[in-house]
Amino acid sequence: MNVDGIEFTYKASGEDTEGHFAFTEGIVASHRGAPAHIHHLEDEAFYVLEGKFEIECADESFRAGPGSFVLLPKGLPHRFQNISEKPGRLLCVQSPSGVEQFFEHMSALNEEGLPDEERLHQLTAKYGIEFLPDEE
């Protein structure tokens, strides 16, 4: 599934782990990533396989390359971007599981075109995700 330039492949979903976690491989296009957002229901962790990423979590900003592990605790605002000239690859764990359905819905909506604000608001509310306004 593809969500805004990030190709997700679930290696294990909540069905496989009795809801404890979901395990994903993400291929992130060059100079793409996720905007600032908060997961209110799950912790998220990345292990970088390829590429270089700029990651912000709360008030910290850092760069992560191959072999880096990054924990993004629930409730904290975070964002990431592949700053490489080639696609980057991440392994990602979300715990507990559940957010994988959000990504499936977003991928389907993206295939239809940009989702309208009401549908996006319904999805983010259902899955406990809050997108933050761009800082300009």
N, C-alpha and C. Protein backbone atom coordinates (compact mmCIF):
# COMPACT_ATOMS: atom_id res chain seq x y z
N MET A 1 0.83 -1.17 0.00
CA MET A 1 0.00 0.00 0.00
C MET A 1 0.88 1.24 0.00
N ASN A 2 0.39 2.30 -0.62
CA ASN A 2 1.17 3.53 -0.75
C ASN A 2 0.41 4.68 -0.11
N VAL A 3 1.09 5.38 0.79
CA VAL A 3 0.51 6.55 1.44
C VAL A 3 1.48 7.71 1.26
N ASP A 4 1.14 8.60 0.37
CA ASP A 4 1.90 9.84 0.17
C ASP A 4 3.40 9.61 -0.03
N GLY A 5 3.74 8.70 -0.93
CA GLY A 5 5.14 8.47 -1.26
C GLY A 5 5.85 7.47 -0.37
N ILE A 6 5.12 6.83 0.53
CA ILE A 6 5.69 5.79 1.38
C ILE A 6 4.99 4.48 1.05
N GLU A 7 5.77 3.51 0.59
CA GLU A 7 5.23 2.19 0.24
C GLU A 7 5.37 1.28 1.45
N PHE A 8 4.24 0.90 2.04
CA PHE A 8 4.22 0.04 3.23
C PHE A 8 3.96 -1.41 2.84
N THR A 9 4.72 -2.32 3.45
CA THR A 9 4.45 -3.74 3.33
C THR A 9 4.41 -4.30 4.75
N TYR A 10 3.26 -4.80 5.15
CA TYR A 10 3.15 -5.36 6.50
C TYR A 10 3.73 -6.77 6.52
N LYS A 11 4.68 -6.97 7.41
CA LYS A 11 5.30 -8.27 7.62
C LYS A 11 4.54 -9.06 8.67
N ALA A 12 3.94 -8.34 9.63
CA ALA A 12 3.08 -8.95 10.65
C ALA A 12 2.06 -7.90 11.07
N SER A 13 0.81 -8.30 11.11
CA SER A 13 -0.26 -7.39 11.52
C SER A 13 -0.75 -7.80 12.91
N GLY A 14 -1.68 -7.03 13.42
CA GLY A 14 -2.26 -7.36 14.72
C GLY A 14 -2.88 -8.74 14.76
N GLU A 15 -3.41 -9.18 13.61
CA GLU A 15 -3.97 -10.55 13.55
C GLU A 15 -2.90 -11.60 13.83
N ASP A 16 -1.68 -11.31 13.40
CA ASP A 16 -0.58 -12.27 13.57
C ASP A 16 0.01 -12.23 14.98
N THR A 17 -0.17 -11.11 15.68
CA THR A 17 0.52 -10.91 16.97
C THR A 17 -0.44 -10.77 18.15
N GLU A 18 -1.68 -11.18 17.94
CA GLU A 18 -2.72 -11.05 18.96
C GLU A 18 -2.87 -9.61 19.43
N GLY A 19 -2.65 -8.67 18.50
CA GLY A 19 -2.85 -7.26 18.79
C GLY A 19 -1.71 -6.57 19.50
N HIS A 20 -0.64 -7.30 19.77
CA HIS A 20 0.47 -6.70 20.52
C HIS A 20 1.26 -5.68 19.70
N PHE A 21 1.49 -5.97 18.43
CA PHE A 21 2.24 -5.05 17.59
C PHE A 21 1.99 -5.35 16.12
N ALA A 22 2.38 -4.37 15.27
CA ALA A 22 2.41 -4.55 13.83
C ALA A 22 3.84 -4.28 13.38
N PHE A 23 4.29 -5.00 12.38
CA PHE A 23 5.66 -4.91 11.91
C PHE A 23 5.62 -4.62 10.42
N THR A 24 6.27 -3.54 10.00
CA THR A 24 6.16 -3.03 8.63
C THR A 24 7.52 -2.75 8.03
N GLU A 25 7.62 -2.93 6.73
CA GLU A 25 8.75 -2.39 5.98
C GLU A 25 8.22 -1.19 5.21
N GLY A 26 8.93 -0.08 5.28
CA GLY A 26 8.54 1.11 4.55
C GLY A 26 9.62 1.52 3.58
N ILE A 27 9.24 1.76 2.34
CA ILE A 27 10.16 2.33 1.36
C ILE A 27 9.70 3.76 1.14
N VAL A 28 10.59 4.69 1.47
CA VAL A 28 10.24 6.11 1.46
C VAL A 28 10.97 6.77 0.29
N ALA A 29 10.20 7.35 -0.61
CA ALA A 29 10.78 8.02 -1.78
C ALA A 29 11.72 9.15 -1.32
N SER A 30 12.66 9.48 -2.17
CA SER A 30 13.60 10.56 -1.89
C SER A 30 12.85 11.85 -1.57
N HIS A 31 13.27 12.50 -0.51
CA HIS A 31 12.70 13.78 -0.06
C HIS A 31 11.21 13.70 0.24
N ARG A 32 10.78 12.53 0.69
CA ARG A 32 9.38 12.34 1.13
C ARG A 32 9.41 11.83 2.55
N GLY A 33 8.26 11.84 3.18
CA GLY A 33 8.16 11.35 4.55
C GLY A 33 6.78 11.65 5.10
N ALA A 34 6.68 11.66 6.41
CA ALA A 34 5.40 11.92 7.07
C ALA A 34 5.43 13.31 7.69
N PRO A 35 4.33 14.05 7.54
CA PRO A 35 4.26 15.37 8.17
C PRO A 35 4.14 15.22 9.69
N ALA A 36 4.24 16.31 10.38
CA ALA A 36 4.13 16.29 11.85
C ALA A 36 2.77 15.73 12.25
N HIS A 37 2.82 14.76 13.17
CA HIS A 37 1.61 14.12 13.65
C HIS A 37 1.86 13.49 15.01
N ILE A 38 0.78 13.08 15.64
CA ILE A 38 0.85 12.41 16.95
C ILE A 38 0.04 11.12 16.87
N HIS A 39 0.61 10.04 17.35
CA HIS A 39 -0.12 8.79 17.56
C HIS A 39 -0.55 8.80 19.03
N HIS A 40 -1.85 8.81 19.27
CA HIS A 40 -2.34 8.82 20.63
C HIS A 40 -2.55 7.42 21.20
N LEU A 41 -2.48 6.40 20.34
CA LEU A 41 -2.79 5.04 20.79
C LEU A 41 -1.61 4.08 20.79
N GLU A 42 -0.56 4.37 20.01
CA GLU A 42 0.52 3.40 19.90
C GLU A 42 1.89 4.08 19.88
N ASP A 43 2.88 3.35 20.39
CA ASP A 43 4.28 3.73 20.24
C ASP A 43 4.71 3.27 18.85
N GLU A 44 5.71 3.95 18.33
CA GLU A 44 6.24 3.59 17.02
C GLU A 44 7.76 3.58 17.12
N ALA A 45 8.40 2.67 16.43
CA ALA A 45 9.87 2.61 16.42
C ALA A 45 10.34 2.31 15.01
N PHE A 46 11.45 2.95 14.63
CA PHE A 46 12.04 2.74 13.31
C PHE A 46 13.43 2.15 13.46
N TYR A 47 13.78 1.28 12.53
CA TYR A 47 15.14 0.81 12.35
C TYR A 47 15.48 1.11 10.89
N VAL A 48 16.48 1.96 10.67
CA VAL A 48 16.82 2.38 9.32
C VAL A 48 17.69 1.33 8.64
N LEU A 49 17.24 0.86 7.48
CA LEU A 49 18.00 -0.10 6.67
C LEU A 49 18.83 0.58 5.60
N GLU A 50 18.24 1.57 4.93
CA GLU A 50 18.91 2.27 3.84
C GLU A 50 18.48 3.73 3.85
N GLY A 51 19.39 4.60 3.45
CA GLY A 51 19.07 6.01 3.32
C GLY A 51 19.44 6.79 4.57
N LYS A 52 19.12 8.05 4.53
CA LYS A 52 19.35 8.94 5.66
C LYS A 52 18.06 9.71 5.91
N PHE A 53 17.66 9.74 7.15
CA PHE A 53 16.39 10.36 7.53
C PHE A 53 16.61 11.48 8.52
N GLU A 54 15.85 12.53 8.35
CA GLU A 54 15.76 13.58 9.35
C GLU A 54 14.50 13.30 10.14
N ILE A 55 14.66 13.18 11.44
CA ILE A 55 13.54 12.81 12.30
C ILE A 55 13.42 13.84 13.41
N GLU A 56 12.20 14.28 13.65
CA GLU A 56 11.91 15.16 14.77
C GLU A 56 10.92 14.45 15.68
N CYS A 57 11.20 14.50 16.97
CA CYS A 57 10.29 13.95 17.96
C CYS A 57 10.28 14.91 19.14
N ALA A 58 9.10 15.43 19.46
CA ALA A 58 8.96 16.46 20.48
C ALA A 58 9.86 17.63 20.09
N ASP A 59 10.78 18.02 20.92
CA ASP A 59 11.66 19.15 20.62
C ASP A 59 13.03 18.72 20.11
N GLU A 60 13.22 17.45 19.81
CA GLU A 60 14.51 16.96 19.35
C GLU A 60 14.49 16.72 17.85
N SER A 61 15.60 17.01 17.20
CA SER A 61 15.76 16.77 15.78
C SER A 61 17.10 16.09 15.58
N PHE A 62 17.12 15.03 14.77
CA PHE A 62 18.37 14.31 14.53
C PHE A 62 18.33 13.62 13.19
N ARG A 63 19.49 13.16 12.77
CA ARG A 63 19.60 12.40 11.52
C ARG A 63 19.89 10.95 11.86
N ALA A 64 19.28 10.07 11.09
CA ALA A 64 19.42 8.64 11.33
C ALA A 64 19.77 7.95 10.02
N GLY A 65 20.84 7.18 10.03
CA GLY A 65 21.26 6.42 8.85
C GLY A 65 21.15 4.93 9.11
N PRO A 66 21.65 4.11 8.19
CA PRO A 66 21.56 2.66 8.34
C PRO A 66 22.08 2.19 9.70
N GLY A 67 21.29 1.35 10.34
CA GLY A 67 21.64 0.82 11.65
C GLY A 67 21.10 1.64 12.80
N SER A 68 20.49 2.77 12.52
CA SER A 68 19.94 3.62 13.59
C SER A 68 18.58 3.09 14.03
N PHE A 69 18.34 3.17 15.34
CA PHE A 69 17.05 2.81 15.93
C PHE A 69 16.47 4.07 16.55
N VAL A 70 15.19 4.32 16.29
CA VAL A 70 14.54 5.52 16.79
C VAL A 70 13.20 5.13 17.42
N LEU A 71 12.99 5.53 18.67
CA LEU A 71 11.72 5.30 19.36
C LEU A 71 10.91 6.58 19.33
N LEU A 72 9.66 6.46 18.91
CA LEU A 72 8.73 7.59 18.85
C LEU A 72 7.55 7.26 19.77
N PRO A 73 7.63 7.68 21.04
CA PRO A 73 6.59 7.31 22.00
C PRO A 73 5.23 7.93 21.66
N LYS A 74 4.17 7.20 21.99
CA LYS A 74 2.83 7.74 21.75
C LYS A 74 2.67 9.04 22.52
N GLY A 75 1.84 9.90 21.95
CA GLY A 75 1.55 11.17 22.59
C GLY A 75 2.51 12.29 22.27
N LEU A 76 3.63 11.97 21.61
CA LEU A 76 4.60 13.01 21.26
C LEU A 76 4.53 13.34 19.78
N PRO A 77 4.56 14.62 19.43
CA PRO A 77 4.56 14.96 18.00
C PRO A 77 5.86 14.51 17.35
N HIS A 78 5.75 13.99 16.14
CA HIS A 78 6.93 13.58 15.41
C HIS A 78 6.68 13.68 13.91
N ARG A 79 7.78 13.70 13.17
CA ARG A 79 7.76 13.71 11.71
C ARG A 79 9.06 13.10 11.24
N PHE A 80 9.08 12.65 9.99
CA PHE A 80 10.34 12.16 9.41
C PHE A 80 10.35 12.41 7.92
N GLN A 81 11.57 12.53 7.38
CA GLN A 81 11.74 12.73 5.96
C GLN A 81 13.02 12.04 5.50
N ASN A 82 12.94 11.38 4.37
CA ASN A 82 14.11 10.80 3.73
C ASN A 82 14.88 11.94 3.08
N ILE A 83 16.08 12.22 3.56
CA ILE A 83 16.86 13.32 2.99
C ILE A 83 17.91 12.80 2.00
N SER A 84 17.80 11.54 1.62
CA SER A 84 18.70 10.92 0.63
C SER A 84 18.21 11.23 -0.78
N GLU A 85 19.10 11.04 -1.73
CA GLU A 85 18.73 11.20 -3.14
C GLU A 85 18.12 9.93 -3.72
N LYS A 86 18.13 8.85 -2.95
CA LYS A 86 17.54 7.58 -3.37
C LYS A 86 16.46 7.20 -2.37
N PRO A 87 15.59 6.24 -2.72
CA PRO A 87 14.62 5.77 -1.75
C PRO A 87 15.31 5.22 -0.50
N GLY A 88 14.70 5.43 0.64
CA GLY A 88 15.20 4.89 1.90
C GLY A 88 14.29 3.76 2.36
N ARG A 89 14.84 2.89 3.21
CA ARG A 89 14.05 1.76 3.73
C ARG A 89 14.13 1.75 5.24
N LEU A 90 12.97 1.50 5.85
CA LEU A 90 12.83 1.42 7.30
C LEU A 90 12.09 0.15 7.68
N LEU A 91 12.45 -0.40 8.82
CA LEU A 91 11.57 -1.37 9.47
C LEU A 91 10.86 -0.58 10.56
N CYS A 92 9.59 -0.83 10.72
CA CYS A 92 8.79 -0.06 11.67
C CYS A 92 7.94 -1.00 12.51
N VAL A 93 7.92 -0.73 13.81
CA VAL A 93 7.06 -1.49 14.72
C VAL A 93 6.10 -0.49 15.37
N GLN A 94 4.82 -0.84 15.38
CA GLN A 94 3.81 -0.06 16.10
C GLN A 94 3.20 -0.96 17.16
N SER A 95 3.12 -0.42 18.38
CA SER A 95 2.60 -1.23 19.48
C SER A 95 1.71 -0.38 20.38
N PRO A 96 0.49 -0.86 20.63
CA PRO A 96 -0.13 -2.06 20.08
C PRO A 96 -0.48 -1.87 18.61
N SER A 97 -0.95 -2.94 18.00
CA SER A 97 -1.33 -2.87 16.59
C SER A 97 -2.63 -2.10 16.44
N GLY A 98 -3.03 -1.90 15.21
CA GLY A 98 -4.29 -1.23 14.91
C GLY A 98 -4.12 -0.14 13.87
N VAL A 99 -2.99 0.55 13.93
CA VAL A 99 -2.77 1.65 13.00
C VAL A 99 -2.63 1.15 11.56
N GLU A 100 -2.36 -0.13 11.38
CA GLU A 100 -2.24 -0.65 10.02
C GLU A 100 -3.53 -0.47 9.24
N GLN A 101 -4.70 -0.52 9.91
CA GLN A 101 -5.97 -0.28 9.21
C GLN A 101 -6.08 1.17 8.74
N PHE A 102 -5.52 2.10 9.53
CA PHE A 102 -5.49 3.50 9.11
C PHE A 102 -4.73 3.63 7.80
N PHE A 103 -3.55 3.01 7.73
CA PHE A 103 -2.74 3.11 6.51
C PHE A 103 -3.45 2.45 5.32
N GLU A 104 -4.16 1.35 5.56
CA GLU A 104 -4.92 0.71 4.48
C GLU A 104 -6.00 1.65 3.96
N HIS A 105 -6.73 2.30 4.88
CA HIS A 105 -7.77 3.24 4.47
C HIS A 105 -7.17 4.44 3.72
N MET A 106 -6.06 4.98 4.23
CA MET A 106 -5.43 6.12 3.57
C MET A 106 -4.93 5.74 2.18
N SER A 107 -4.37 4.55 2.04
CA SER A 107 -3.90 4.10 0.74
C SER A 107 -5.06 4.02 -0.25
N ALA A 108 -6.18 3.46 0.20
CA ALA A 108 -7.36 3.36 -0.67
C ALA A 108 -7.88 4.75 -1.03
N LEU A 109 -7.92 5.67 -0.07
CA LEU A 109 -8.39 7.02 -0.36
C LEU A 109 -7.45 7.73 -1.33
N ASN A 110 -6.14 7.52 -1.18
CA ASN A 110 -5.18 8.14 -2.08
C ASN A 110 -5.35 7.63 -3.51
N GLU A 111 -5.73 6.36 -3.65
CA GLU A 111 -5.97 5.81 -4.99
C GLU A 111 -7.16 6.48 -5.65
N GLU A 112 -8.13 6.91 -4.82
CA GLU A 112 -9.32 7.60 -5.35
C GLU A 112 -9.04 9.07 -5.64
N GLY A 113 -7.95 9.58 -5.15
CA GLY A 113 -7.66 11.01 -5.22
C GLY A 113 -7.51 11.52 -3.79
N LEU A 114 -7.22 12.77 -3.63
CA LEU A 114 -7.05 13.30 -2.28
C LEU A 114 -8.34 13.18 -1.50
N PRO A 115 -8.27 12.65 -0.25
CA PRO A 115 -9.49 12.52 0.54
C PRO A 115 -10.01 13.89 0.98
N ASP A 116 -11.33 14.00 1.05
CA ASP A 116 -11.89 15.26 1.53
C ASP A 116 -11.64 15.39 3.03
N GLU A 117 -11.71 16.60 3.52
CA GLU A 117 -11.38 16.90 4.92
C GLU A 117 -12.25 16.10 5.90
N GLU A 118 -13.51 15.92 5.59
CA GLU A 118 -14.40 15.20 6.50
C GLU A 118 -13.99 13.73 6.63
N ARG A 119 -13.71 13.08 5.50
CA ARG A 119 -13.28 11.67 5.56
C ARG A 119 -11.95 11.54 6.30
N LEU A 120 -11.02 12.47 6.04
CA LEU A 120 -9.74 12.44 6.73
C LEU A 120 -9.92 12.63 8.23
N HIS A 121 -10.78 13.55 8.61
CA HIS A 121 -11.04 13.79 10.04
C HIS A 121 -11.65 12.54 10.70
N GLN A 122 -12.58 11.89 10.03
CA GLN A 122 -13.19 10.66 10.57
C GLN A 122 -12.14 9.58 10.78
N LEU A 123 -11.24 9.41 9.82
CA LEU A 123 -10.20 8.38 9.94
C LEU A 123 -9.23 8.69 11.06
N THR A 124 -8.77 9.93 11.12
CA THR A 124 -7.79 10.28 12.16
C THR A 124 -8.41 10.16 13.54
N ALA A 125 -9.67 10.54 13.68
CA ALA A 125 -10.34 10.40 14.99
C ALA A 125 -10.49 8.93 15.37
N LYS A 126 -10.88 8.11 14.41
CA LYS A 126 -11.08 6.68 14.68
C LYS A 126 -9.79 5.99 15.13
N TYR A 127 -8.65 6.37 14.54
CA TYR A 127 -7.39 5.69 14.82
C TYR A 127 -6.46 6.48 15.75
N GLY A 128 -6.96 7.55 16.35
CA GLY A 128 -6.18 8.28 17.34
C GLY A 128 -4.94 8.95 16.78
N ILE A 129 -5.04 9.46 15.56
CA ILE A 129 -3.92 10.15 14.93
C ILE A 129 -4.30 11.61 14.74
N GLU A 130 -3.37 12.47 15.07
CA GLU A 130 -3.60 13.91 14.96
C GLU A 130 -2.52 14.51 14.07
N PHE A 131 -2.92 15.06 12.92
CA PHE A 131 -1.97 15.76 12.07
C PHE A 131 -1.86 17.19 12.56
N LEU A 132 -0.64 17.69 12.64
CA LEU A 132 -0.39 19.02 13.16
C LEU A 132 -0.22 20.01 12.02
N PRO A 133 -0.57 21.27 12.26
CA PRO A 133 -0.39 22.27 11.20
C PRO A 133 1.08 22.45 10.84
N ASP A 134 1.31 22.75 9.57
CA ASP A 134 2.68 23.03 9.12
C ASP A 134 3.22 24.25 9.84
N GLU A 135 4.47 24.16 10.22
CA GLU A 135 5.13 25.33 10.82
C GLU A 135 5.78 26.11 9.71
N GLU A 136 5.37 27.32 9.53
CA GLU A 136 5.93 28.15 8.46
C GLU A 136 6.59 29.35 9.07
